[in-house]
C-alpha cells in the first residue's frame, strides 16, 4: 500500500514538473513573439545588413566625451536590403520600386554614400558640413589613400522614414544628422 502511495506521489510530482516546463516553454515562446512584434523590420534581412554596414566611434579626452558618431555605408548589399525593406514597409507601385532599384544601382556605381549622426558637447565643434571644419572627414581606401567628400550636408527634416531606416538618427537626441557623398 505504501509503495502505491509513493508511485502515485512520484507520478504527481512528474506531472507537475512536466506542466511547469510546458508552461515555461509557452512563456518563452510568448516573450519571443512579443520581441518579434516590436521589431519594425519584421524579420527581414535589413536589420542585419544595417548592422553590418554601420560603425560607431567615440573620442574621449580623459573622461570627457569629445565626439560620438555612427555612420552607415550605403554599399550595394545595403542598398539592396534597403530597397527590399522599403518595398515591405511602403508597398510602392511596380514603377516606383523599379525606379528605386535603378536609382540605388546608379548611385552605388558613381558615389560612396554615408549616413552619419554625430554628437559633440560643444556647439562650436558642430561644423561637419562646413568647408573649413575642424573635423577631417575622409574615406580611407587603403594604402594610406584618403578620399575627401564631394559634399557633406545636414539632414534638415528627421521623420519616421529616416528613423525607420537609420534608427540611430532620431529627433530626441543631440546628434547632428548628415549625409556624406565621396
C-alpha atoms as a PDB file:
ATOM      1  CA  UNK A   1       0.000   0.000   0.000  1.00  0.00           C
ATOM      2  CA  UNK A   2       2.850   2.362   0.872  1.00  0.00           C
ATOM      3  CA  UNK A   3       4.542   1.542  -2.443  1.00  0.00           C
ATOM      4  CA  UNK A   4       1.404   2.501  -4.400  1.00  0.00           C
ATOM      5  CA  UNK A   5       1.257   5.754  -2.434  1.00  0.00           C
ATOM      6  CA  UNK A   6       4.909   6.582  -3.362  1.00  0.00           C
ATOM      7  CA  UNK A   7       4.320   5.708  -7.025  1.00  0.00           C
ATOM      8  CA  UNK A   8       1.241   7.941  -7.101  1.00  0.00           C
ATOM      9  CA  UNK A   9       3.214  10.732  -5.402  1.00  0.00           C
ATOM     10  CA  UNK A  10       6.102  10.378  -7.908  1.00  0.00           C
ATOM     11  CA  UNK A  11       3.668  10.418 -10.849  1.00  0.00           C
ATOM     12  CA  UNK A  12       2.021  13.544  -9.446  1.00  0.00           C
ATOM     13  CA  UNK A  13       5.376  15.291  -8.995  1.00  0.00           C
ATOM     14  CA  UNK A  14       6.443  14.258 -12.505  1.00  0.00           C
ATOM     15  CA  UNK A  15       3.171  15.592 -13.928  1.00  0.00           C
ATOM     16  CA  UNK A  16       3.666  18.918 -12.098  1.00  0.00           C
ATOM     17  CA  UNK A  17       7.244  19.192 -13.414  1.00  0.00           C
ATOM     18  CA  UNK A  18       6.116  18.422 -16.974  1.00  0.00           C
ATOM     19  CA  UNK A  19       3.331  21.007 -16.754  1.00  0.00           C
ATOM     20  CA  UNK A  20       5.705  23.603 -15.305  1.00  0.00           C
ATOM     21  CA  UNK A  21       8.244  23.031 -18.085  1.00  0.00           C
ATOM     22  CA  UNK A  22       5.479  23.154 -20.695  1.00  0.00           C
ATOM     23  CA  UNK A  23       4.158  26.434 -19.266  1.00  0.00           C
ATOM     24  CA  UNK A  24       7.702  27.802 -19.132  1.00  0.00           C
ATOM     25  CA  UNK A  25       8.183  26.975 -22.804  1.00  0.00           C
ATOM     26  CA  UNK A  26       4.935  28.767 -23.628  1.00  0.00           C
ATOM     27  CA  UNK A  27       6.057  31.846 -21.681  1.00  0.00           C
ATOM     28  CA  UNK A  28       9.406  31.899 -23.504  1.00  0.00           C
ATOM     29  CA  UNK A  29       7.576  31.484 -26.816  1.00  0.00           C
ATOM     30  CA  UNK A  30       5.230  34.361 -25.923  1.00  0.00           C
ATOM     31  CA  UNK A  31       8.171  36.587 -24.999  1.00  0.00           C
ATOM     32  CA  UNK A  32       9.873  35.794 -28.317  1.00  0.00           C
ATOM     33  CA  UNK A  33       6.641  36.609 -30.180  1.00  0.00           C
ATOM     34  CA  UNK A  34       6.387  39.914 -28.302  1.00  0.00           C
ATOM     35  CA  UNK A  35      10.005  40.784 -29.137  1.00  0.00           C
ATOM     36  CA  UNK A  36       9.421  39.931 -32.802  1.00  0.00           C
ATOM     37  CA  UNK A  37       6.270  42.068 -32.924  1.00  0.00           C
ATOM     38  CA  UNK A  38       8.195  45.116 -31.677  1.00  0.00           C
ATOM     39  CA  UNK A  39      10.865  44.707 -34.374  1.00  0.00           C
ATOM     40  CA  UNK A  40       9.977  47.245 -37.084  1.00  0.00           C
ATOM     41  CA  UNK A  41      11.800  45.137 -39.684  1.00  0.00           C
ATOM     42  CA  UNK A  42       9.587  42.057 -39.154  1.00  0.00           C
ATOM     43  CA  UNK A  43      12.362  39.521 -39.503  1.00  0.00           C
ATOM     44  CA  UNK A  44      13.716  40.676 -42.869  1.00  0.00           C
ATOM     45  CA  UNK A  45      17.416  40.992 -43.659  1.00  0.00           C
ATOM     46  CA  UNK A  46      17.561  44.795 -43.379  1.00  0.00           C
ATOM     47  CA  UNK A  47      18.448  44.934 -39.687  1.00  0.00           C
ATOM     48  CA  UNK A  48      21.389  42.526 -40.053  1.00  0.00           C
ATOM     49  CA  UNK A  49      22.677  44.304 -43.166  1.00  0.00           C
ATOM     50  CA  UNK A  50      22.288  47.710 -41.477  1.00  0.00           C
ATOM     51  CA  UNK A  51      24.333  46.489 -38.516  1.00  0.00           C
ATOM     52  CA  UNK A  52      26.984  45.044 -40.849  1.00  0.00           C
ATOM     53  CA  UNK A  53      27.499  48.366 -42.663  1.00  0.00           C
ATOM     54  CA  UNK A  54      27.154  50.694 -39.652  1.00  0.00           C
ATOM     55  CA  UNK A  55      30.011  51.663 -37.353  1.00  0.00           C
ATOM     56  CA  UNK A  56      30.126  53.732 -34.202  1.00  0.00           C
ATOM     57  CA  UNK A  57      33.142  55.588 -32.869  1.00  0.00           C
ATOM     58  CA  UNK A  58      33.817  57.703 -29.802  1.00  0.00           C
ATOM     59  CA  UNK A  59      36.671  60.036 -28.995  1.00  0.00           C
ATOM     60  CA  UNK A  60      37.484  60.831 -25.384  1.00  0.00           C
ATOM     61  CA  UNK A  61      39.893  63.325 -23.856  1.00  0.00           C
ATOM     62  CA  UNK A  62      40.479  61.963 -20.385  1.00  0.00           C
ATOM     63  CA  UNK A  63      36.993  61.075 -19.175  1.00  0.00           C
ATOM     64  CA  UNK A  64      35.262  63.681 -21.353  1.00  0.00           C
ATOM     65  CA  UNK A  65      33.433  62.608 -24.495  1.00  0.00           C
ATOM     66  CA  UNK A  66      34.606  64.791 -27.392  1.00  0.00           C
ATOM     67  CA  UNK A  67      32.832  63.050 -30.288  1.00  0.00           C
ATOM     68  CA  UNK A  68      30.344  60.228 -30.727  1.00  0.00           C
ATOM     69  CA  UNK A  69      29.392  59.236 -34.234  1.00  0.00           C
ATOM     70  CA  UNK A  70      27.541  56.483 -36.066  1.00  0.00           C
ATOM     71  CA  UNK A  71      27.775  56.077 -39.828  1.00  0.00           C
ATOM     72  CA  UNK A  72      26.296  53.689 -42.362  1.00  0.00           C
ATOM     73  CA  UNK A  73      27.997  52.996 -45.684  1.00  0.00           C
ATOM     74  CA  UNK A  74      25.420  52.537 -48.421  1.00  0.00           C
ATOM     75  CA  UNK A  75      27.130  49.541 -50.020  1.00  0.00           C
ATOM     76  CA  UNK A  76      25.475  47.630 -52.889  1.00  0.00           C
ATOM     77  CA  UNK A  77      24.416  44.988 -50.329  1.00  0.00           C
ATOM     78  CA  UNK A  78      22.961  47.679 -48.069  1.00  0.00           C
ATOM     79  CA  UNK A  79      21.140  49.345 -50.965  1.00  0.00           C
ATOM     80  CA  UNK A  80      19.564  46.019 -51.967  1.00  0.00           C
ATOM     81  CA  UNK A  81      18.355  45.378 -48.408  1.00  0.00           C
ATOM     82  CA  UNK A  82      17.128  48.991 -48.263  1.00  0.00           C
ATOM     83  CA  UNK A  83      15.030  48.511 -51.410  1.00  0.00           C
ATOM     84  CA  UNK A  84      13.571  45.265 -50.032  1.00  0.00           C
ATOM     85  CA  UNK A  85      12.715  46.901 -46.695  1.00  0.00           C
ATOM     86  CA  UNK A  86      11.266  49.963 -48.436  1.00  0.00           C
ATOM     87  CA  UNK A  87       9.112  47.633 -50.533  1.00  0.00           C
ATOM     88  CA  UNK A  88       7.944  45.749 -47.436  1.00  0.00           C
ATOM     89  CA  UNK A  89       7.233  48.885 -45.391  1.00  0.00           C
ATOM     90  CA  UNK A  90       5.655  51.143 -48.032  1.00  0.00           C
ATOM     91  CA  UNK A  91       4.403  48.748 -50.736  1.00  0.00           C
ATOM     92  CA  UNK A  92       5.198  51.075 -53.662  1.00  0.00           C
ATOM     93  CA  UNK A  93       3.844  50.552 -57.149  1.00  0.00           C
ATOM     94  CA  UNK A  94       5.874  48.394 -59.512  1.00  0.00           C
ATOM     95  CA  UNK A  95       7.089  51.503 -61.369  1.00  0.00           C
ATOM     96  CA  UNK A  96       8.165  53.212 -58.126  1.00  0.00           C
ATOM     97  CA  UNK A  97      10.054  50.124 -56.991  1.00  0.00           C
ATOM     98  CA  UNK A  98      11.795  49.756 -60.366  1.00  0.00           C
ATOM     99  CA  UNK A  99      12.817  53.437 -60.224  1.00  0.00           C
ATOM    100  CA  UNK A 100      14.141  52.991 -56.669  1.00  0.00           C
ATOM    101  CA  UNK A 101      16.173  49.933 -57.733  1.00  0.00           C
ATOM    102  CA  UNK A 102      17.567  51.813 -60.751  1.00  0.00           C
ATOM    103  CA  UNK A 103      18.416  54.919 -58.689  1.00  0.00           C
ATOM    104  CA  UNK A 104      20.155  52.880 -55.985  1.00  0.00           C
ATOM    105  CA  UNK A 105      22.204  50.882 -58.512  1.00  0.00           C
ATOM    106  CA  UNK A 106      23.276  54.020 -60.370  1.00  0.00           C
ATOM    107  CA  UNK A 107      24.214  55.840 -57.163  1.00  0.00           C
ATOM    108  CA  UNK A 108      26.265  52.865 -55.948  1.00  0.00           C
ATOM    109  CA  UNK A 109      28.285  52.889 -59.177  1.00  0.00           C
ATOM    110  CA  UNK A 110      29.005  56.624 -59.029  1.00  0.00           C
ATOM    111  CA  UNK A 111      29.267  57.502 -55.327  1.00  0.00           C
ATOM    112  CA  UNK A 112      30.235  56.206 -51.909  1.00  0.00           C
ATOM    113  CA  UNK A 113      27.336  57.470 -49.788  1.00  0.00           C
ATOM    114  CA  UNK A 114      27.198  57.530 -45.993  1.00  0.00           C
ATOM    115  CA  UNK A 115      24.541  58.497 -43.499  1.00  0.00           C
ATOM    116  CA  UNK A 116      26.056  59.824 -40.295  1.00  0.00           C
ATOM    117  CA  UNK A 117      24.893  61.056 -36.913  1.00  0.00           C
ATOM    118  CA  UNK A 118      27.399  62.861 -34.710  1.00  0.00           C
ATOM    119  CA  UNK A 119      27.340  64.331 -31.223  1.00  0.00           C
ATOM    120  CA  UNK A 120      29.825  66.872 -29.894  1.00  0.00           C
ATOM    121  CA  UNK A 121      29.385  68.535 -26.487  1.00  0.00           C
ATOM    122  CA  UNK A 122      30.486  71.960 -27.751  1.00  0.00           C
ATOM    123  CA  UNK A 123      28.189  73.513 -30.392  1.00  0.00           C
ATOM    124  CA  UNK A 124      31.167  75.354 -31.919  1.00  0.00           C
ATOM    125  CA  UNK A 125      32.592  71.971 -32.896  1.00  0.00           C
ATOM    126  CA  UNK A 126      29.415  71.061 -34.764  1.00  0.00           C
ATOM    127  CA  UNK A 127      30.656  72.208 -38.165  1.00  0.00           C
ATOM    128  CA  UNK A 128      30.898  68.924 -40.069  1.00  0.00           C
ATOM    129  CA  UNK A 129      29.199  70.314 -43.170  1.00  0.00           C
ATOM    130  CA  UNK A 130      31.479  73.382 -43.476  1.00  0.00           C
ATOM    131  CA  UNK A 131      34.436  73.523 -45.858  1.00  0.00           C
ATOM    132  CA  UNK A 132      36.784  74.716 -43.085  1.00  0.00           C
ATOM    133  CA  UNK A 133      35.513  72.227 -40.485  1.00  0.00           C
ATOM    134  CA  UNK A 134      37.734  71.368 -37.535  1.00  0.00           C
ATOM    135  CA  UNK A 135      36.999  67.714 -38.332  1.00  0.00           C
ATOM    136  CA  UNK A 136      38.897  65.918 -41.067  1.00  0.00           C
ATOM    137  CA  UNK A 137      36.273  63.704 -42.657  1.00  0.00           C
ATOM    138  CA  UNK A 138      37.534  61.344 -45.347  1.00  0.00           C
ATOM    139  CA  UNK A 139      37.188  57.802 -46.629  1.00  0.00           C
ATOM    140  CA  UNK A 140      40.204  55.548 -46.064  1.00  0.00           C
ATOM    141  CA  UNK A 141      40.639  53.398 -49.146  1.00  0.00           C
ATOM    142  CA  UNK A 142      43.754  51.570 -48.061  1.00  0.00           C
ATOM    143  CA  UNK A 143      47.451  52.097 -48.683  1.00  0.00           C
ATOM    144  CA  UNK A 144      47.049  55.381 -46.808  1.00  0.00           C
ATOM    145  CA  UNK A 145      44.864  56.794 -49.609  1.00  0.00           C
ATOM    146  CA  UNK A 146      42.142  59.142 -48.367  1.00  0.00           C
ATOM    147  CA  UNK A 147      39.191  60.422 -50.370  1.00  0.00           C
ATOM    148  CA  UNK A 148      37.600  63.702 -49.270  1.00  0.00           C
ATOM    149  CA  UNK A 149      33.816  64.016 -49.522  1.00  0.00           C
ATOM    150  CA  UNK A 150      32.291  65.756 -52.529  1.00  0.00           C
ATOM    151  CA  UNK A 151      29.671  67.094 -50.169  1.00  0.00           C
ATOM    152  CA  UNK A 152      28.514  66.857 -46.588  1.00  0.00           C
ATOM    153  CA  UNK A 153      25.051  68.186 -45.851  1.00  0.00           C
ATOM    154  CA  UNK A 154      22.755  68.225 -42.883  1.00  0.00           C
ATOM    155  CA  UNK A 155      19.539  66.259 -42.945  1.00  0.00           C
ATOM    156  CA  UNK A 156      17.028  69.023 -42.317  1.00  0.00           C
ATOM    157  CA  UNK A 157      13.892  67.031 -41.623  1.00  0.00           C
ATOM    158  CA  UNK A 158      14.019  63.968 -39.381  1.00  0.00           C
ATOM    159  CA  UNK A 159      10.847  61.963 -39.857  1.00  0.00           C
ATOM    160  CA  UNK A 160       9.591  58.409 -39.403  1.00  0.00           C
ATOM    161  CA  UNK A 161      11.067  57.455 -42.781  1.00  0.00           C
ATOM    162  CA  UNK A 162      14.623  58.390 -41.747  1.00  0.00           C
ATOM    163  CA  UNK A 163      14.341  56.826 -38.288  1.00  0.00           C
ATOM    164  CA  UNK A 164      12.965  53.570 -39.718  1.00  0.00           C
ATOM    165  CA  UNK A 165      15.977  53.073 -41.962  1.00  0.00           C
ATOM    166  CA  UNK A 166      18.584  54.634 -39.661  1.00  0.00           C
ATOM    167  CA  UNK A 167      17.401  54.082 -36.068  1.00  0.00           C
ATOM    168  CA  UNK A 168      20.440  55.804 -34.540  1.00  0.00           C
ATOM    169  CA  UNK A 169      19.078  59.022 -36.051  1.00  0.00           C
ATOM    170  CA  UNK A 170      16.125  60.322 -34.094  1.00  0.00           C
ATOM    171  CA  UNK A 171      14.613  63.635 -33.171  1.00  0.00           C
ATOM    172  CA  UNK A 172      15.214  63.196 -29.456  1.00  0.00           C
ATOM    173  CA  UNK A 173      18.993  63.010 -29.449  1.00  0.00           C
ATOM    174  CA  UNK A 174      21.517  65.815 -29.691  1.00  0.00           C
ATOM    175  CA  UNK A 175      23.343  64.365 -32.654  1.00  0.00           C
ATOM    176  CA  UNK A 176      23.933  66.249 -35.883  1.00  0.00           C
ATOM    177  CA  UNK A 177      22.444  64.312 -38.802  1.00  0.00           C
ATOM    178  CA  UNK A 178      24.483  64.318 -42.014  1.00  0.00           C
ATOM    179  CA  UNK A 179      24.754  62.796 -45.461  1.00  0.00           C
ATOM    180  CA  UNK A 180      28.243  62.424 -46.919  1.00  0.00           C
ATOM    181  CA  UNK A 181      28.997  61.655 -50.541  1.00  0.00           C
ATOM    182  CA  UNK A 182      32.510  60.736 -51.716  1.00  0.00           C
END
